[in-house]
Amino acid sequence: MSHGTITLVGPDIARQAEFLAMADEFGEDVPEGLVPSTSRWVVQDGRLVGFVALRHELNAFLFEEGGYIGYAVRPTARGRGIATAAAALALLEARHLAIERVLLTCDDANVASATVIERNGGVLEDVRGGKRRYWVEPAGQGPRSTRRALPAPGIHQQVCLLVVRG
């Protein structure tokens, strides 16, 4: 039985429609132990510079360790506000999903990530097992919403893509 040629490719803007069609095939059937989530790519000047993932709910592990939002920015693109803007857009999506309080976590020693979370209105609850645990009320809710970081000028959200224009 031949399965044809299989290759692994990185995220490609030209494959966005194909990716969305594949994602639709998965539907809402999420394997046990996992949670539904939305992933976004962050692109600047046509180059993939990071990603952000928004989990729609928390399981026991995510409540302790991972939180609702995860993000990463490639080392060569750090320090430009990309993670702060991506997290802000993910918080807007959380609001649309009616998530009332959003848990974000980072390693206790990760000062850059703690700054991203704090710039987005994160209030430190505690540190557990080396993880800082912050709660954010999505935009438009609660007293800290006016302090929340807004996406930097030139950052726009598209269906499965965040585009950062330099």
C-alpha atoms as a PDB file:
ATOM      1  CA  MET A   1       0.000   0.000   0.000  1.00  0.00           C
ATOM      2  CA  SER A   2       1.460   3.354  -1.026  1.00  0.00           C
ATOM      3  CA  HIS A   3       0.785   6.475   0.970  1.00  0.00           C
ATOM      4  CA  GLY A   4       2.509   8.804  -1.456  1.00  0.00           C
ATOM      5  CA  THR A   5       5.210  11.247  -0.501  1.00  0.00           C
ATOM      6  CA  ILE A   6       4.840  12.844   2.903  1.00  0.00           C
ATOM      7  CA  THR A   7       6.724  15.997   3.782  1.00  0.00           C
ATOM      8  CA  LEU A   8       6.560  18.372   6.690  1.00  0.00           C
ATOM      9  CA  VAL A   9       6.227  22.048   5.862  1.00  0.00           C
ATOM     10  CA  GLY A  10       6.087  25.111   8.021  1.00  0.00           C
ATOM     11  CA  PRO A  11       3.069  27.405   8.184  1.00  0.00           C
ATOM     12  CA  ASP A  12       2.495  29.054   4.827  1.00  0.00           C
ATOM     13  CA  ILE A  13       0.144  31.950   4.159  1.00  0.00           C
ATOM     14  CA  ALA A  14      -0.695  30.446   0.760  1.00  0.00           C
ATOM     15  CA  ARG A  15      -2.020  27.316   2.531  1.00  0.00           C
ATOM     16  CA  GLN A  16      -4.323  29.172   4.894  1.00  0.00           C
ATOM     17  CA  ALA A  17      -7.567  28.057   3.182  1.00  0.00           C
ATOM     18  CA  GLU A  18      -6.335  24.462   3.024  1.00  0.00           C
ATOM     19  CA  PHE A  19      -5.431  24.569   6.717  1.00  0.00           C
ATOM     20  CA  LEU A  20      -8.866  25.917   7.667  1.00  0.00           C
ATOM     21  CA  ALA A  21     -10.601  23.210   5.635  1.00  0.00           C
ATOM     22  CA  MET A  22      -8.565  20.551   7.431  1.00  0.00           C
ATOM     23  CA  ALA A  23      -9.337  22.121  10.811  1.00  0.00           C
ATOM     24  CA  ASP A  24     -13.069  22.033   9.992  1.00  0.00           C
ATOM     25  CA  GLU A  25     -12.825  18.273   9.393  1.00  0.00           C
ATOM     26  CA  PHE A  26     -11.774  17.800  13.015  1.00  0.00           C
ATOM     27  CA  GLY A  27     -14.881  19.587  14.241  1.00  0.00           C
ATOM     28  CA  GLU A  28     -15.563  19.590  17.949  1.00  0.00           C
ATOM     29  CA  ASP A  29     -14.364  16.030  18.569  1.00  0.00           C
ATOM     30  CA  VAL A  30     -11.450  16.581  20.931  1.00  0.00           C
ATOM     31  CA  PRO A  31      -9.640  13.520  22.310  1.00  0.00           C
ATOM     32  CA  GLU A  32      -9.952  12.861  26.028  1.00  0.00           C
ATOM     33  CA  GLY A  33      -7.398  14.811  28.046  1.00  0.00           C
ATOM     34  CA  LEU A  34      -7.196  17.625  25.482  1.00  0.00           C
ATOM     35  CA  VAL A  35      -9.261  20.795  25.176  1.00  0.00           C
ATOM     36  CA  PRO A  36     -10.597  22.745  22.186  1.00  0.00           C
ATOM     37  CA  SER A  37      -8.303  25.582  21.158  1.00  0.00           C
ATOM     38  CA  THR A  38      -7.692  28.186  18.500  1.00  0.00           C
ATOM     39  CA  SER A  39      -4.207  28.733  17.110  1.00  0.00           C
ATOM     40  CA  ARG A  40      -2.915  31.762  15.274  1.00  0.00           C
ATOM     41  CA  TRP A  41       0.329  32.418  13.423  1.00  0.00           C
ATOM     42  CA  VAL A  42       2.096  35.734  13.825  1.00  0.00           C
ATOM     43  CA  VAL A  43       3.676  37.015  10.614  1.00  0.00           C
ATOM     44  CA  GLN A  44       5.759  40.132  10.117  1.00  0.00           C
ATOM     45  CA  ASP A  45       6.797  41.281   6.639  1.00  0.00           C
ATOM     46  CA  GLY A  46       5.844  37.860   5.237  1.00  0.00           C
ATOM     47  CA  ARG A  47       7.976  35.994   7.784  1.00  0.00           C
ATOM     48  CA  LEU A  48       6.586  33.760  10.517  1.00  0.00           C
ATOM     49  CA  VAL A  49       7.703  35.284  13.815  1.00  0.00           C
ATOM     50  CA  GLY A  50       5.542  33.430  16.340  1.00  0.00           C
ATOM     51  CA  PHE A  51       2.249  31.877  17.320  1.00  0.00           C
ATOM     52  CA  VAL A  52      -0.451  32.215  19.923  1.00  0.00           C
ATOM     53  CA  ALA A  53      -2.900  29.561  21.103  1.00  0.00           C
ATOM     54  CA  LEU A  54      -6.151  30.175  22.978  1.00  0.00           C
ATOM     55  CA  ARG A  55      -7.584  27.225  24.849  1.00  0.00           C
ATOM     56  CA  HIS A  56     -11.371  27.403  25.096  1.00  0.00           C
ATOM     57  CA  GLU A  57     -11.487  25.679  28.491  1.00  0.00           C
ATOM     58  CA  LEU A  58      -9.095  24.329  31.105  1.00  0.00           C
ATOM     59  CA  ASN A  59      -8.508  20.792  32.297  1.00  0.00           C
ATOM     60  CA  ALA A  60      -6.762  20.065  35.620  1.00  0.00           C
ATOM     61  CA  PHE A  61      -3.262  20.259  34.129  1.00  0.00           C
ATOM     62  CA  LEU A  62      -3.901  23.548  32.305  1.00  0.00           C
ATOM     63  CA  PHE A  63      -5.429  25.036  35.460  1.00  0.00           C
ATOM     64  CA  GLU A  64      -2.169  24.407  37.308  1.00  0.00           C
ATOM     65  CA  GLU A  65       0.453  24.749  34.576  1.00  0.00           C
ATOM     66  CA  GLY A  66      -0.645  26.159  31.236  1.00  0.00           C
ATOM     67  CA  GLY A  67      -3.575  28.548  31.459  1.00  0.00           C
ATOM     68  CA  TYR A  68      -5.813  29.655  28.595  1.00  0.00           C
ATOM     69  CA  ILE A  69      -3.218  31.357  26.403  1.00  0.00           C
ATOM     70  CA  GLY A  70       0.162  30.193  25.194  1.00  0.00           C
ATOM     71  CA  TYR A  71       2.479  32.119  22.889  1.00  0.00           C
ATOM     72  CA  ALA A  72       5.975  32.061  21.491  1.00  0.00           C
ATOM     73  CA  VAL A  73       8.020  34.530  19.469  1.00  0.00           C
ATOM     74  CA  ARG A  74      11.159  33.509  17.609  1.00  0.00           C
ATOM     75  CA  PRO A  75      14.310  34.802  19.325  1.00  0.00           C
ATOM     76  CA  THR A  76      15.243  37.150  16.460  1.00  0.00           C
ATOM     77  CA  ALA A  77      11.851  38.919  16.728  1.00  0.00           C
ATOM     78  CA  ARG A  78      11.692  39.380  20.488  1.00  0.00           C
ATOM     79  CA  GLY A  79      11.628  42.739  22.224  1.00  0.00           C
ATOM     80  CA  ARG A  80       9.334  44.403  19.652  1.00  0.00           C
ATOM     81  CA  GLY A  81       5.984  44.026  21.437  1.00  0.00           C
ATOM     82  CA  ILE A  82       4.850  41.126  19.253  1.00  0.00           C
ATOM     83  CA  ALA A  83       4.004  38.803  22.158  1.00  0.00           C
ATOM     84  CA  THR A  84       2.183  41.611  23.982  1.00  0.00           C
ATOM     85  CA  ALA A  85       0.073  42.371  20.905  1.00  0.00           C
ATOM     86  CA  ALA A  86      -0.618  38.693  20.161  1.00  0.00           C
ATOM     87  CA  ALA A  87      -1.718  38.083  23.759  1.00  0.00           C
ATOM     88  CA  ALA A  88      -3.974  41.166  23.603  1.00  0.00           C
ATOM     89  CA  LEU A  89      -5.673  39.817  20.476  1.00  0.00           C
ATOM     90  CA  ALA A  90      -6.072  36.388  22.093  1.00  0.00           C
ATOM     91  CA  LEU A  91      -7.735  38.097  25.063  1.00  0.00           C
ATOM     92  CA  LEU A  92     -10.191  39.735  22.660  1.00  0.00           C
ATOM     93  CA  GLU A  93     -10.984  36.284  21.275  1.00  0.00           C
ATOM     94  CA  ALA A  94     -11.458  34.993  24.840  1.00  0.00           C
ATOM     95  CA  ARG A  95     -14.063  37.699  25.331  1.00  0.00           C
ATOM     96  CA  HIS A  96     -15.920  36.489  22.223  1.00  0.00           C
ATOM     97  CA  LEU A  97     -15.851  32.966  23.670  1.00  0.00           C
ATOM     98  CA  ALA A  98     -17.428  34.363  26.884  1.00  0.00           C
ATOM     99  CA  ILE A  99     -14.448  33.347  29.021  1.00  0.00           C
ATOM    100  CA  GLU A 100     -14.956  35.553  32.076  1.00  0.00           C
ATOM    101  CA  ARG A 101     -11.494  35.269  33.628  1.00  0.00           C
ATOM    102  CA  VAL A 102      -8.426  34.204  31.698  1.00  0.00           C
ATOM    103  CA  LEU A 103      -5.573  32.393  33.411  1.00  0.00           C
ATOM    104  CA  LEU A 104      -2.109  32.982  31.968  1.00  0.00           C
ATOM    105  CA  THR A 105       1.003  31.356  33.372  1.00  0.00           C
ATOM    106  CA  CYS A 106       4.735  31.648  32.865  1.00  0.00           C
ATOM    107  CA  ASP A 107       7.853  30.316  34.491  1.00  0.00           C
ATOM    108  CA  ASP A 108       8.751  32.300  37.590  1.00  0.00           C
ATOM    109  CA  ALA A 109      12.120  33.249  36.070  1.00  0.00           C
ATOM    110  CA  ASN A 110      10.650  34.376  32.714  1.00  0.00           C
ATOM    111  CA  VAL A 111      10.641  38.139  33.249  1.00  0.00           C
ATOM    112  CA  ALA A 112       9.792  38.887  29.592  1.00  0.00           C
ATOM    113  CA  SER A 113       6.665  36.726  29.648  1.00  0.00           C
ATOM    114  CA  ALA A 114       5.603  38.108  33.028  1.00  0.00           C
ATOM    115  CA  THR A 115       5.892  41.598  31.515  1.00  0.00           C
ATOM    116  CA  VAL A 116       3.728  40.572  28.533  1.00  0.00           C
ATOM    117  CA  ILE A 117       1.043  39.285  30.888  1.00  0.00           C
ATOM    118  CA  GLU A 118       1.201  42.319  33.181  1.00  0.00           C
ATOM    119  CA  ARG A 119       0.963  44.708  30.205  1.00  0.00           C
ATOM    120  CA  ASN A 120      -2.241  42.905  29.298  1.00  0.00           C
ATOM    121  CA  GLY A 121      -3.780  43.486  32.717  1.00  0.00           C
ATOM    122  CA  GLY A 122      -2.593  40.315  34.426  1.00  0.00           C
ATOM    123  CA  VAL A 123      -2.981  40.261  38.203  1.00  0.00           C
ATOM    124  CA  LEU A 124      -0.600  37.858  39.937  1.00  0.00           C
ATOM    125  CA  GLU A 125      -2.493  35.303  42.025  1.00  0.00           C
ATOM    126  CA  ASP A 126       0.454  33.250  43.219  1.00  0.00           C
ATOM    127  CA  VAL A 127       3.480  31.153  42.252  1.00  0.00           C
ATOM    128  CA  ARG A 128       3.016  27.367  42.241  1.00  0.00           C
ATOM    129  CA  GLY A 129       5.663  24.847  41.328  1.00  0.00           C
ATOM    130  CA  GLY A 130       7.802  27.507  39.679  1.00  0.00           C
ATOM    131  CA  LYS A 131       4.890  28.931  37.632  1.00  0.00           C
ATOM    132  CA  ARG A 132       3.565  32.468  38.040  1.00  0.00           C
ATOM    133  CA  ARG A 133      -0.243  32.437  37.762  1.00  0.00           C
ATOM    134  CA  TYR A 134      -2.007  35.562  36.539  1.00  0.00           C
ATOM    135  CA  TRP A 135      -5.701  36.289  35.976  1.00  0.00           C
ATOM    136  CA  VAL A 136      -6.951  38.731  33.356  1.00  0.00           C
ATOM    137  CA  GLU A 137     -10.502  39.875  32.783  1.00  0.00           C
ATOM    138  CA  PRO A 138     -11.014  40.113  28.999  1.00  0.00           C
ATOM    139  CA  ALA A 139     -11.375  43.585  27.470  1.00  0.00           C
ATOM    140  CA  GLY A 140     -14.490  45.435  28.510  1.00  0.00           C
ATOM    141  CA  GLN A 141     -14.876  43.596  31.806  1.00  0.00           C
ATOM    142  CA  GLY A 142     -13.633  44.613  35.230  1.00  0.00           C
ATOM    143  CA  PRO A 143     -11.650  47.540  36.576  1.00  0.00           C
ATOM    144  CA  ARG A 144      -8.295  46.768  34.923  1.00  0.00           C
ATOM    145  CA  SER A 145      -9.626  46.638  31.365  1.00  0.00           C
ATOM    146  CA  THR A 146      -8.620  50.246  30.699  1.00  0.00           C
ATOM    147  CA  ARG A 147      -4.970  49.376  31.396  1.00  0.00           C
ATOM    148  CA  ARG A 148      -4.844  46.501  28.948  1.00  0.00           C
ATOM    149  CA  ALA A 149      -2.307  46.682  26.164  1.00  0.00           C
ATOM    150  CA  LEU A 150      -3.867  47.234  22.780  1.00  0.00           C
ATOM    151  CA  PRO A 151      -2.484  45.641  19.642  1.00  0.00           C
ATOM    152  CA  ALA A 152       0.343  47.731  18.263  1.00  0.00           C
ATOM    153  CA  PRO A 153      -0.416  49.799  15.165  1.00  0.00           C
ATOM    154  CA  GLY A 154      -0.174  47.663  12.055  1.00  0.00           C
ATOM    155  CA  ILE A 155      -1.119  44.384  13.741  1.00  0.00           C
ATOM    156  CA  HIS A 156      -4.266  42.903  12.285  1.00  0.00           C
ATOM    157  CA  GLN A 157      -5.947  39.614  12.969  1.00  0.00           C
ATOM    158  CA  GLN A 158      -7.011  37.479  10.059  1.00  0.00           C
ATOM    159  CA  VAL A 159      -8.740  34.113  10.093  1.00  0.00           C
ATOM    160  CA  CYS A 160      -5.689  32.062  11.080  1.00  0.00           C
ATOM    161  CA  LEU A 161      -3.022  34.663  10.956  1.00  0.00           C
ATOM    162  CA  LEU A 162      -1.788  37.688  12.832  1.00  0.00           C
ATOM    163  CA  VAL A 163       0.009  40.046  10.493  1.00  0.00           C
ATOM    164  CA  VAL A 164       2.510  42.446  12.009  1.00  0.00           C
ATOM    165  CA  ARG A 165       3.440  45.334   9.769  1.00  0.00           C
ATOM    166  CA  GLY A 166       6.780  46.816  10.746  1.00  0.00           C
END
